All heavy atoms as atom14 arrays in JSON, in Angstrom:
{
  "sequence": "LSTLSLQLYGLYLKIGYIKNDEDYKQVTKYFNDRLPKYDIHELGFRE",
  "atom14_mask": [
    [1, 1, 1, 1, 1, 1, 1, 1, 0, 0, 0, 0, 0, 0],
    [1, 1, 1, 1, 1, 1, 0, 0, 0, 0, 0, 0, 0, 0],
    [1, 1, 1, 1, 1, 1, 1, 0, 0, 0, 0, 0, 0, 0],
    [1, 1, 1, 1, 1, 1, 1, 1, 0, 0, 0, 0, 0, 0],
    [1, 1, 1, 1, 1, 1, 0, 0, 0, 0, 0, 0, 0, 0],
    [1, 1, 1, 1, 1, 1, 1, 1, 0, 0, 0, 0, 0, 0],
    [1, 1, 1, 1, 1, 1, 1, 1, 1, 0, 0, 0, 0, 0],
    [1, 1, 1, 1, 1, 1, 1, 1, 0, 0, 0, 0, 0, 0],
    [1, 1, 1, 1, 1, 1, 1, 1, 1, 1, 1, 1, 0, 0],
    [1, 1, 1, 1, 0, 0, 0, 0, 0, 0, 0, 0, 0, 0],
    [1, 1, 1, 1, 1, 1, 1, 1, 0, 0, 0, 0, 0, 0],
    [1, 1, 1, 1, 1, 1, 1, 1, 1, 1, 1, 1, 0, 0],
    [1, 1, 1, 1, 1, 1, 1, 1, 0, 0, 0, 0, 0, 0],
    [1, 1, 1, 1, 1, 1, 1, 1, 1, 0, 0, 0, 0, 0],
    [1, 1, 1, 1, 1, 1, 1, 1, 0, 0, 0, 0, 0, 0],
    [1, 1, 1, 1, 0, 0, 0, 0, 0, 0, 0, 0, 0, 0],
    [1, 1, 1, 1, 1, 1, 1, 1, 1, 1, 1, 1, 0, 0],
    [1, 1, 1, 1, 1, 1, 1, 1, 0, 0, 0, 0, 0, 0],
    [1, 1, 1, 1, 1, 1, 1, 1, 1, 0, 0, 0, 0, 0],
    [1, 1, 1, 1, 1, 1, 1, 1, 0, 0, 0, 0, 0, 0],
    [1, 1, 1, 1, 1, 1, 1, 1, 0, 0, 0, 0, 0, 0],
    [1, 1, 1, 1, 1, 1, 1, 1, 1, 0, 0, 0, 0, 0],
    [1, 1, 1, 1, 1, 1, 1, 1, 0, 0, 0, 0, 0, 0],
    [1, 1, 1, 1, 1, 1, 1, 1, 1, 1, 1, 1, 0, 0],
    [1, 1, 1, 1, 1, 1, 1, 1, 1, 0, 0, 0, 0, 0],
    [1, 1, 1, 1, 1, 1, 1, 1, 1, 0, 0, 0, 0, 0],
    [1, 1, 1, 1, 1, 1, 1, 0, 0, 0, 0, 0, 0, 0],
    [1, 1, 1, 1, 1, 1, 1, 0, 0, 0, 0, 0, 0, 0],
    [1, 1, 1, 1, 1, 1, 1, 1, 1, 0, 0, 0, 0, 0],
    [1, 1, 1, 1, 1, 1, 1, 1, 1, 1, 1, 1, 0, 0],
    [1, 1, 1, 1, 1, 1, 1, 1, 1, 1, 1, 0, 0, 0],
    [1, 1, 1, 1, 1, 1, 1, 1, 0, 0, 0, 0, 0, 0],
    [1, 1, 1, 1, 1, 1, 1, 1, 0, 0, 0, 0, 0, 0],
    [1, 1, 1, 1, 1, 1, 1, 1, 1, 1, 1, 0, 0, 0],
    [1, 1, 1, 1, 1, 1, 1, 1, 0, 0, 0, 0, 0, 0],
    [1, 1, 1, 1, 1, 1, 1, 0, 0, 0, 0, 0, 0, 0],
    [1, 1, 1, 1, 1, 1, 1, 1, 1, 0, 0, 0, 0, 0],
    [1, 1, 1, 1, 1, 1, 1, 1, 1, 1, 1, 1, 0, 0],
    [1, 1, 1, 1, 1, 1, 1, 1, 0, 0, 0, 0, 0, 0],
    [1, 1, 1, 1, 1, 1, 1, 1, 0, 0, 0, 0, 0, 0],
    [1, 1, 1, 1, 1, 1, 1, 1, 1, 1, 0, 0, 0, 0],
    [1, 1, 1, 1, 1, 1, 1, 1, 1, 0, 0, 0, 0, 0],
    [1, 1, 1, 1, 1, 1, 1, 1, 0, 0, 0, 0, 0, 0],
    [1, 1, 1, 1, 0, 0, 0, 0, 0, 0, 0, 0, 0, 0],
    [1, 1, 1, 1, 1, 1, 1, 1, 1, 1, 1, 0, 0, 0],
    [1, 1, 1, 1, 1, 1, 1, 1, 1, 1, 1, 0, 0, 0],
    [1, 1, 1, 1, 1, 1, 1, 1, 1, 0, 0, 0, 0, 0]
  ],
  "atom14_positions": [
    [[105.69, 163.6, 190.62], [105.97, 164.1, 191.97], [104.68, 164.46, 192.71], [104.55, 164.19, 193.9], [106.9, 165.32, 191.9], [108.35, 165.02, 191.5], [109.09, 166.32, 191.21], [109.06, 164.25, 192.6], [0.0, 0.0, 0.0], [0.0, 0.0, 0.0], [0.0, 0.0, 0.0], [0.0, 0.0, 0.0], [0.0, 0.0, 0.0], [0.0, 0.0, 0.0]],
    [[103.73, 165.05, 191.99], [102.45, 165.4, 192.63], [101.69, 164.13, 193.0], [101.02, 164.07, 194.04], [101.61, 166.29, 191.72], [101.24, 165.62, 190.54], [0.0, 0.0, 0.0], [0.0, 0.0, 0.0], [0.0, 0.0, 0.0], [0.0, 0.0, 0.0], [0.0, 0.0, 0.0], [0.0, 0.0, 0.0], [0.0, 0.0, 0.0], [0.0, 0.0, 0.0]],
    [[101.78, 163.1, 192.15], [101.15, 161.82, 192.45], [101.78, 161.18, 193.68], [101.08, 160.66, 194.56], [101.28, 160.85, 191.25], [100.6, 161.43, 190.12], [100.66, 159.5, 191.57], [0.0, 0.0, 0.0], [0.0, 0.0, 0.0], [0.0, 0.0, 0.0], [0.0, 0.0, 0.0], [0.0, 0.0, 0.0], [0.0, 0.0, 0.0], [0.0, 0.0, 0.0]],
    [[103.12, 161.22, 193.75], [103.82, 160.67, 194.92], [103.41, 161.39, 196.19], [103.15, 160.75, 197.22], [105.34, 160.78, 194.71], [106.22, 160.37, 195.9], [105.96, 158.93, 196.3], [107.69, 160.57, 195.57], [0.0, 0.0, 0.0], [0.0, 0.0, 0.0], [0.0, 0.0, 0.0], [0.0, 0.0, 0.0], [0.0, 0.0, 0.0], [0.0, 0.0, 0.0]],
    [[103.33, 162.71, 196.12], [102.92, 163.5, 197.28], [101.52, 163.09, 197.75], [101.27, 162.9, 198.95], [102.93, 164.99, 196.93], [102.37, 165.77, 197.96], [0.0, 0.0, 0.0], [0.0, 0.0, 0.0], [0.0, 0.0, 0.0], [0.0, 0.0, 0.0], [0.0, 0.0, 0.0], [0.0, 0.0, 0.0], [0.0, 0.0, 0.0], [0.0, 0.0, 0.0]],
    [[100.6, 162.92, 196.8], [99.23, 162.53, 197.13], [99.2, 161.11, 197.71], [98.47, 160.83, 198.67], [98.36, 162.61, 195.88], [96.86, 162.33, 196.07], [96.24, 163.34, 197.03], [96.14, 162.36, 194.72], [0.0, 0.0, 0.0], [0.0, 0.0, 0.0], [0.0, 0.0, 0.0], [0.0, 0.0, 0.0], [0.0, 0.0, 0.0], [0.0, 0.0, 0.0]],
    [[100.0, 160.2, 197.14], [100.05, 158.82, 197.64], [100.57, 158.78, 199.08], [100.06, 158.02, 199.91], [100.94, 157.97, 196.73], [100.32, 157.66, 195.38], [101.29, 156.97, 194.44], [102.51, 157.21, 194.48], [100.77, 156.1, 193.59], [0.0, 0.0, 0.0], [0.0, 0.0, 0.0], [0.0, 0.0, 0.0], [0.0, 0.0, 0.0], [0.0, 0.0, 0.0]],
    [[101.59, 159.58, 199.37], [102.15, 159.62, 200.71], [101.15, 160.19, 201.71], [101.05, 159.72, 202.85], [103.44, 160.44, 200.73], [104.63, 159.81, 200.0], [105.75, 160.83, 199.83], [105.15, 158.6, 200.76], [0.0, 0.0, 0.0], [0.0, 0.0, 0.0], [0.0, 0.0, 0.0], [0.0, 0.0, 0.0], [0.0, 0.0, 0.0], [0.0, 0.0, 0.0]],
    [[100.4, 161.2, 201.28], [99.36, 161.76, 202.15], [98.27, 160.72, 202.42], [97.8, 160.57, 203.56], [98.75, 163.0, 201.49], [97.64, 163.64, 202.3], [97.9, 164.16, 203.57], [96.35, 163.72, 201.8], [96.88, 164.74, 204.32], [95.34, 164.31, 202.54], [95.61, 164.81, 203.8], [94.6, 165.39, 204.53], [0.0, 0.0, 0.0], [0.0, 0.0, 0.0]],
    [[97.91, 159.96, 201.37], [96.93, 158.89, 201.54], [97.43, 157.82, 202.48], [96.68, 157.28, 203.3], [0.0, 0.0, 0.0], [0.0, 0.0, 0.0], [0.0, 0.0, 0.0], [0.0, 0.0, 0.0], [0.0, 0.0, 0.0], [0.0, 0.0, 0.0], [0.0, 0.0, 0.0], [0.0, 0.0, 0.0], [0.0, 0.0, 0.0], [0.0, 0.0, 0.0]],
    [[98.73, 157.52, 202.4], [99.35, 156.53, 203.28], [99.31, 157.01, 204.73], [99.06, 156.24, 205.66], [100.79, 156.27, 202.84], [101.5, 155.06, 203.44], [100.79, 153.77, 203.06], [102.95, 155.01, 202.96], [0.0, 0.0, 0.0], [0.0, 0.0, 0.0], [0.0, 0.0, 0.0], [0.0, 0.0, 0.0], [0.0, 0.0, 0.0], [0.0, 0.0, 0.0]],
    [[99.55, 158.31, 204.91], [99.51, 158.91, 206.25], [98.11, 158.79, 206.86], [97.95, 158.45, 208.03], [99.94, 160.37, 206.18], [99.6, 161.19, 207.39], [100.28, 161.01, 208.59], [98.57, 162.14, 207.35], [99.95, 161.76, 209.72], [98.24, 162.89, 208.46], [98.93, 162.69, 209.64], [98.6, 163.42, 210.74], [0.0, 0.0, 0.0], [0.0, 0.0, 0.0]],
    [[97.08, 159.07, 206.03], [95.71, 158.96, 206.52], [95.35, 157.52, 206.87], [94.55, 157.26, 207.76], [94.73, 159.5, 205.46], [94.79, 161.0, 205.17], [93.8, 161.35, 204.07], [94.51, 161.83, 206.42], [0.0, 0.0, 0.0], [0.0, 0.0, 0.0], [0.0, 0.0, 0.0], [0.0, 0.0, 0.0], [0.0, 0.0, 0.0], [0.0, 0.0, 0.0]],
    [[95.95, 156.58, 206.14], [95.64, 155.17, 206.33], [96.34, 154.57, 207.54], [95.72, 153.91, 208.37], [96.01, 154.39, 205.06], [95.66, 152.91, 205.12], [96.05, 152.22, 203.82], [95.72, 150.74, 203.88], [96.12, 150.03, 202.64], [0.0, 0.0, 0.0], [0.0, 0.0, 0.0], [0.0, 0.0, 0.0], [0.0, 0.0, 0.0], [0.0, 0.0, 0.0]],
    [[97.67, 154.79, 207.65], [98.44, 154.12, 208.71], [98.94, 155.06, 209.8], [99.4, 154.6, 210.85], [99.64, 153.34, 208.12], [100.7, 154.32, 207.57], [99.19, 152.39, 207.04], [102.0, 153.66, 207.19], [0.0, 0.0, 0.0], [0.0, 0.0, 0.0], [0.0, 0.0, 0.0], [0.0, 0.0, 0.0], [0.0, 0.0, 0.0], [0.0, 0.0, 0.0]],
    [[98.87, 156.39, 209.55], [99.39, 157.33, 210.55], [100.9, 157.31, 210.58], [101.56, 156.94, 209.6], [0.0, 0.0, 0.0], [0.0, 0.0, 0.0], [0.0, 0.0, 0.0], [0.0, 0.0, 0.0], [0.0, 0.0, 0.0], [0.0, 0.0, 0.0], [0.0, 0.0, 0.0], [0.0, 0.0, 0.0], [0.0, 0.0, 0.0], [0.0, 0.0, 0.0]],
    [[101.47, 157.69, 211.71], [102.92, 157.74, 211.86], [103.46, 156.34, 212.13], [102.8, 155.51, 212.75], [103.29, 158.68, 212.99], [102.88, 160.11, 212.74], [101.63, 160.56, 213.16], [103.72, 160.99, 212.07], [101.23, 161.86, 212.92], [103.32, 162.29, 211.82], [102.09, 162.72, 212.25], [101.69, 164.01, 211.99], [0.0, 0.0, 0.0], [0.0, 0.0, 0.0]],
    [[104.67, 156.07, 211.63], [105.27, 154.75, 211.85], [105.51, 154.53, 213.34], [105.72, 155.48, 214.1], [106.59, 154.6, 211.07], [107.64, 155.62, 211.54], [106.36, 154.73, 209.58], [109.02, 155.37, 211.0], [0.0, 0.0, 0.0], [0.0, 0.0, 0.0], [0.0, 0.0, 0.0], [0.0, 0.0, 0.0], [0.0, 0.0, 0.0], [0.0, 0.0, 0.0]],
    [[105.49, 153.27, 213.75], [105.61, 152.94, 215.17], [106.79, 152.02, 215.48], [107.06, 151.72, 216.64], [104.31, 152.31, 215.67], [103.12, 153.26, 215.62], [101.84, 152.57, 216.07], [100.68, 153.54, 216.1], [100.3, 154.02, 214.77], [0.0, 0.0, 0.0], [0.0, 0.0, 0.0], [0.0, 0.0, 0.0], [0.0, 0.0, 0.0], [0.0, 0.0, 0.0]],
    [[107.51, 151.56, 214.41], [108.64, 150.67, 214.64], [109.55, 150.64, 213.41], [109.24, 151.26, 212.38], [108.16, 149.24, 214.97], [107.12, 148.74, 213.97], [107.36, 148.74, 212.77], [105.96, 148.33, 214.48], [0.0, 0.0, 0.0], [0.0, 0.0, 0.0], [0.0, 0.0, 0.0], [0.0, 0.0, 0.0], [0.0, 0.0, 0.0], [0.0, 0.0, 0.0]],
    [[110.65, 149.92, 213.51], [111.63, 149.85, 212.42], [111.04, 149.19, 211.18], [111.4, 149.56, 210.05], [112.88, 149.08, 212.88], [113.71, 149.88, 213.87], [113.62, 151.12, 213.84], [114.43, 149.26, 214.68], [0.0, 0.0, 0.0], [0.0, 0.0, 0.0], [0.0, 0.0, 0.0], [0.0, 0.0, 0.0], [0.0, 0.0, 0.0], [0.0, 0.0, 0.0]],
    [[110.17, 148.21, 211.37], [109.57, 147.53, 210.23], [108.71, 148.5, 209.41], [108.76, 148.5, 208.18], [108.71, 146.35, 210.72], [108.13, 145.49, 209.61], [109.19, 144.87, 208.71], [110.3, 144.56, 209.2], [108.9, 144.71, 207.5], [0.0, 0.0, 0.0], [0.0, 0.0, 0.0], [0.0, 0.0, 0.0], [0.0, 0.0, 0.0], [0.0, 0.0, 0.0]],
    [[107.93, 149.33, 210.12], [107.14, 150.37, 209.44], [108.05, 151.31, 208.66], [107.75, 151.7, 207.53], [106.34, 151.19, 210.47], [105.13, 150.45, 210.99], [104.84, 149.36, 210.46], [104.49, 150.96, 211.92], [0.0, 0.0, 0.0], [0.0, 0.0, 0.0], [0.0, 0.0, 0.0], [0.0, 0.0, 0.0], [0.0, 0.0, 0.0], [0.0, 0.0, 0.0]],
    [[109.18, 151.66, 209.28], [110.13, 152.59, 208.65], [110.65, 152.01, 207.34], [110.71, 152.7, 206.32], [111.29, 152.87, 209.6], [112.37, 153.76, 208.98], [112.2, 155.14, 208.92], [113.52, 153.2, 208.45], [113.17, 155.94, 208.34], [114.5, 153.99, 207.87], [114.32, 155.37, 207.82], [115.27, 156.16, 207.23], [0.0, 0.0, 0.0], [0.0, 0.0, 0.0]],
    [[111.01, 150.73, 207.34], [111.54, 150.08, 206.14], [110.49, 150.05, 205.03], [110.79, 150.31, 203.86], [111.99, 148.66, 206.47], [113.25, 148.59, 207.33], [113.57, 147.14, 207.71], [114.77, 147.07, 208.66], [115.04, 145.68, 209.09], [0.0, 0.0, 0.0], [0.0, 0.0, 0.0], [0.0, 0.0, 0.0], [0.0, 0.0, 0.0], [0.0, 0.0, 0.0]],
    [[109.25, 149.74, 205.4], [108.18, 149.64, 204.41], [107.88, 151.01, 203.77], [107.74, 151.11, 202.55], [106.92, 149.08, 205.05], [107.03, 147.6, 205.4], [105.76, 147.06, 206.06], [104.77, 147.78, 206.21], [105.79, 145.8, 206.46], [0.0, 0.0, 0.0], [0.0, 0.0, 0.0], [0.0, 0.0, 0.0], [0.0, 0.0, 0.0], [0.0, 0.0, 0.0]],
    [[107.79, 152.05, 204.62], [107.49, 153.39, 204.12], [108.64, 153.91, 203.26], [108.42, 154.53, 202.2], [107.19, 154.36, 205.28], [107.13, 155.8, 204.78], [105.88, 153.99, 205.97], [0.0, 0.0, 0.0], [0.0, 0.0, 0.0], [0.0, 0.0, 0.0], [0.0, 0.0, 0.0], [0.0, 0.0, 0.0], [0.0, 0.0, 0.0], [0.0, 0.0, 0.0]],
    [[109.87, 153.67, 203.69], [111.05, 154.12, 202.94], [111.11, 153.45, 201.57], [111.4, 154.1, 200.55], [112.34, 153.83, 203.72], [112.29, 154.53, 204.97], [113.56, 154.29, 202.96], [0.0, 0.0, 0.0], [0.0, 0.0, 0.0], [0.0, 0.0, 0.0], [0.0, 0.0, 0.0], [0.0, 0.0, 0.0], [0.0, 0.0, 0.0], [0.0, 0.0, 0.0]],
    [[110.84, 152.15, 201.53], [110.82, 151.42, 200.25], [109.71, 151.96, 199.35], [109.91, 152.18, 198.14], [110.61, 149.92, 200.48], [110.71, 149.08, 199.2], [110.55, 147.6, 199.51], [110.81, 146.75, 198.28], [109.97, 147.12, 197.12], [0.0, 0.0, 0.0], [0.0, 0.0, 0.0], [0.0, 0.0, 0.0], [0.0, 0.0, 0.0], [0.0, 0.0, 0.0]],
    [[108.54, 152.2, 199.94], [107.41, 152.76, 199.2], [107.79, 154.1, 198.57], [107.5, 154.36, 197.39], [106.23, 152.95, 200.16], [104.95, 153.43, 199.53], [103.97, 152.53, 199.12], [104.7, 154.78, 199.34], [102.78, 152.96, 198.54], [103.53, 155.24, 198.76], [102.57, 154.32, 198.36], [101.4, 154.76, 197.79], [0.0, 0.0, 0.0], [0.0, 0.0, 0.0]],
    [[108.48, 154.93, 199.33], [108.89, 156.26, 198.86], [109.94, 156.16, 197.76], [109.8, 156.76, 196.69], [109.43, 157.07, 200.04], [109.96, 158.42, 199.66], [109.11, 159.45, 199.29], [111.33, 158.68, 199.69], [109.6, 160.7, 198.95], [111.83, 159.93, 199.35], [110.97, 160.94, 198.98], [0.0, 0.0, 0.0], [0.0, 0.0, 0.0], [0.0, 0.0, 0.0]],
    [[111.0, 155.39, 198.0], [112.11, 155.29, 197.04], [111.68, 154.64, 195.73], [112.17, 155.01, 194.66], [113.28, 154.51, 197.65], [114.0, 155.3, 198.73], [114.0, 156.53, 198.71], [114.57, 154.61, 199.7], [0.0, 0.0, 0.0], [0.0, 0.0, 0.0], [0.0, 0.0, 0.0], [0.0, 0.0, 0.0], [0.0, 0.0, 0.0], [0.0, 0.0, 0.0]],
    [[110.77, 153.67, 195.81], [110.29, 152.99, 194.6], [109.52, 153.92, 193.68], [109.46, 153.7, 192.46], [109.4, 151.8, 194.96], [110.18, 150.63, 195.53], [111.43, 150.66, 195.45], [109.55, 149.7, 196.08], [0.0, 0.0, 0.0], [0.0, 0.0, 0.0], [0.0, 0.0, 0.0], [0.0, 0.0, 0.0], [0.0, 0.0, 0.0], [0.0, 0.0, 0.0]],
    [[108.91, 154.96, 194.25], [108.04, 155.85, 193.46], [108.68, 157.21, 193.18], [108.1, 157.99, 192.41], [106.71, 156.05, 194.21], [105.84, 154.79, 194.2], [104.75, 154.85, 195.26], [103.87, 153.68, 195.19], [104.2, 152.48, 195.64], [105.39, 152.28, 196.22], [103.37, 151.47, 195.53], [0.0, 0.0, 0.0], [0.0, 0.0, 0.0], [0.0, 0.0, 0.0]],
    [[109.83, 157.48, 193.79], [110.48, 158.78, 193.58], [111.17, 158.79, 192.21], [112.09, 158.02, 191.97], [111.5, 159.04, 194.68], [112.25, 160.39, 194.62], [111.27, 161.54, 194.88], [113.38, 160.43, 195.65], [0.0, 0.0, 0.0], [0.0, 0.0, 0.0], [0.0, 0.0, 0.0], [0.0, 0.0, 0.0], [0.0, 0.0, 0.0], [0.0, 0.0, 0.0]],
    [[110.73, 159.67, 191.29], [111.36, 159.71, 189.97], [112.76, 160.32, 190.02], [113.09, 161.06, 190.94], [110.41, 160.59, 189.16], [109.76, 161.48, 190.17], [109.64, 160.66, 191.43], [0.0, 0.0, 0.0], [0.0, 0.0, 0.0], [0.0, 0.0, 0.0], [0.0, 0.0, 0.0], [0.0, 0.0, 0.0], [0.0, 0.0, 0.0], [0.0, 0.0, 0.0]],
    [[113.57, 160.0, 189.02], [114.91, 160.59, 188.94], [114.78, 162.05, 188.53], [113.92, 162.41, 187.73], [115.75, 159.83, 187.92], [116.09, 158.41, 188.34], [116.96, 157.72, 187.28], [117.3, 156.3, 187.7], [118.13, 155.61, 186.68], [0.0, 0.0, 0.0], [0.0, 0.0, 0.0], [0.0, 0.0, 0.0], [0.0, 0.0, 0.0], [0.0, 0.0, 0.0]],
    [[115.65, 162.89, 189.07], [115.57, 164.32, 188.75], [116.93, 164.97, 188.96], [117.79, 164.46, 189.68], [114.54, 165.02, 189.63], [114.87, 164.98, 191.11], [115.65, 165.99, 191.71], [114.42, 163.95, 191.93], [115.96, 165.97, 193.05], [114.73, 163.91, 193.28], [115.5, 164.92, 193.83], [115.82, 164.88, 195.16], [0.0, 0.0, 0.0], [0.0, 0.0, 0.0]],
    [[117.11, 166.1, 188.29], [118.27, 166.96, 188.5], [117.74, 168.26, 189.09], [117.01, 169.0, 188.42], [118.99, 167.23, 187.17], [120.25, 168.09, 187.33], [120.4, 168.74, 188.4], [121.07, 168.13, 186.4], [0.0, 0.0, 0.0], [0.0, 0.0, 0.0], [0.0, 0.0, 0.0], [0.0, 0.0, 0.0], [0.0, 0.0, 0.0], [0.0, 0.0, 0.0]],
    [[118.07, 168.52, 190.34], [117.5, 169.66, 191.05], [117.75, 170.97, 190.32], [116.94, 171.9, 190.38], [118.07, 169.74, 192.5], [117.27, 170.74, 193.35], [119.55, 170.08, 192.48], [115.88, 170.33, 193.67], [0.0, 0.0, 0.0], [0.0, 0.0, 0.0], [0.0, 0.0, 0.0], [0.0, 0.0, 0.0], [0.0, 0.0, 0.0], [0.0, 0.0, 0.0]],
    [[118.86, 171.05, 189.57], [119.21, 172.3, 188.86], [118.33, 172.52, 187.63], [118.28, 173.63, 187.1], [120.69, 172.27, 188.45], [121.62, 172.1, 189.6], [121.78, 173.06, 190.58], [122.44, 171.06, 189.95], [122.66, 172.64, 191.48], [123.07, 171.44, 191.12], [0.0, 0.0, 0.0], [0.0, 0.0, 0.0], [0.0, 0.0, 0.0], [0.0, 0.0, 0.0]],
    [[117.66, 171.48, 187.16], [116.82, 171.6, 185.97], [115.34, 171.74, 186.32], [114.5, 171.9, 185.43], [117.0, 170.39, 185.06], [118.41, 170.29, 184.46], [118.57, 169.1, 183.53], [117.56, 168.38, 183.33], [119.68, 168.89, 183.01], [0.0, 0.0, 0.0], [0.0, 0.0, 0.0], [0.0, 0.0, 0.0], [0.0, 0.0, 0.0], [0.0, 0.0, 0.0]],
    [[115.01, 171.7, 187.61], [113.61, 171.78, 188.02], [113.13, 173.22, 188.09], [113.84, 174.12, 188.53], [113.42, 171.12, 189.39], [113.81, 169.66, 189.54], [113.41, 169.14, 190.92], [113.17, 168.8, 188.45], [0.0, 0.0, 0.0], [0.0, 0.0, 0.0], [0.0, 0.0, 0.0], [0.0, 0.0, 0.0], [0.0, 0.0, 0.0], [0.0, 0.0, 0.0]],
    [[111.89, 173.42, 187.65], [111.26, 174.72, 187.79], [110.58, 174.85, 189.13], [110.64, 173.94, 189.97], [0.0, 0.0, 0.0], [0.0, 0.0, 0.0], [0.0, 0.0, 0.0], [0.0, 0.0, 0.0], [0.0, 0.0, 0.0], [0.0, 0.0, 0.0], [0.0, 0.0, 0.0], [0.0, 0.0, 0.0], [0.0, 0.0, 0.0], [0.0, 0.0, 0.0]],
    [[109.9, 175.96, 189.32], [109.23, 176.23, 190.59], [108.25, 175.12, 190.98], [108.29, 174.6, 192.09], [108.49, 177.56, 190.49], [107.68, 177.91, 191.71], [108.24, 178.64, 192.75], [106.35, 177.5, 191.84], [107.5, 178.96, 193.89], [105.61, 177.81, 192.96], [106.19, 178.53, 193.99], [0.0, 0.0, 0.0], [0.0, 0.0, 0.0], [0.0, 0.0, 0.0]],
    [[107.39, 174.72, 190.03], [106.34, 173.78, 190.36], [106.89, 172.38, 190.65], [106.43, 171.69, 191.57], [105.32, 173.71, 189.22], [104.02, 173.04, 189.61], [102.95, 173.31, 188.59], [102.58, 174.71, 188.55], [101.69, 175.26, 189.37], [101.09, 174.53, 190.29], [101.39, 176.54, 189.28], [0.0, 0.0, 0.0], [0.0, 0.0, 0.0], [0.0, 0.0, 0.0]],
    [[107.93, 171.97, 189.89], [108.51, 170.65, 190.15], [109.18, 170.61, 191.52], [109.08, 169.63, 192.26], [109.54, 170.29, 189.07], [108.96, 170.15, 187.68], [109.01, 171.44, 186.89], [110.04, 171.75, 186.28], [108.0, 172.16, 186.9], [0.0, 0.0, 0.0], [0.0, 0.0, 0.0], [0.0, 0.0, 0.0], [0.0, 0.0, 0.0], [0.0, 0.0, 0.0]]
  ]
}
C-alpha cells in the first residue's frame, strides 16, 4: 500500500491531473492493477 501511494504520487508529478476520459481509464487501470486485496476489518492503523 505504501508503494502504491508513492507510485501514484510519482504519477501525479509526471502527468498532473487527468484531462480527459482516456486519462481517467489509464489511471484507474493503473490503480486497480496495483491495489492489493484487503479486509478493512483486519487492517491496523498503519495499513
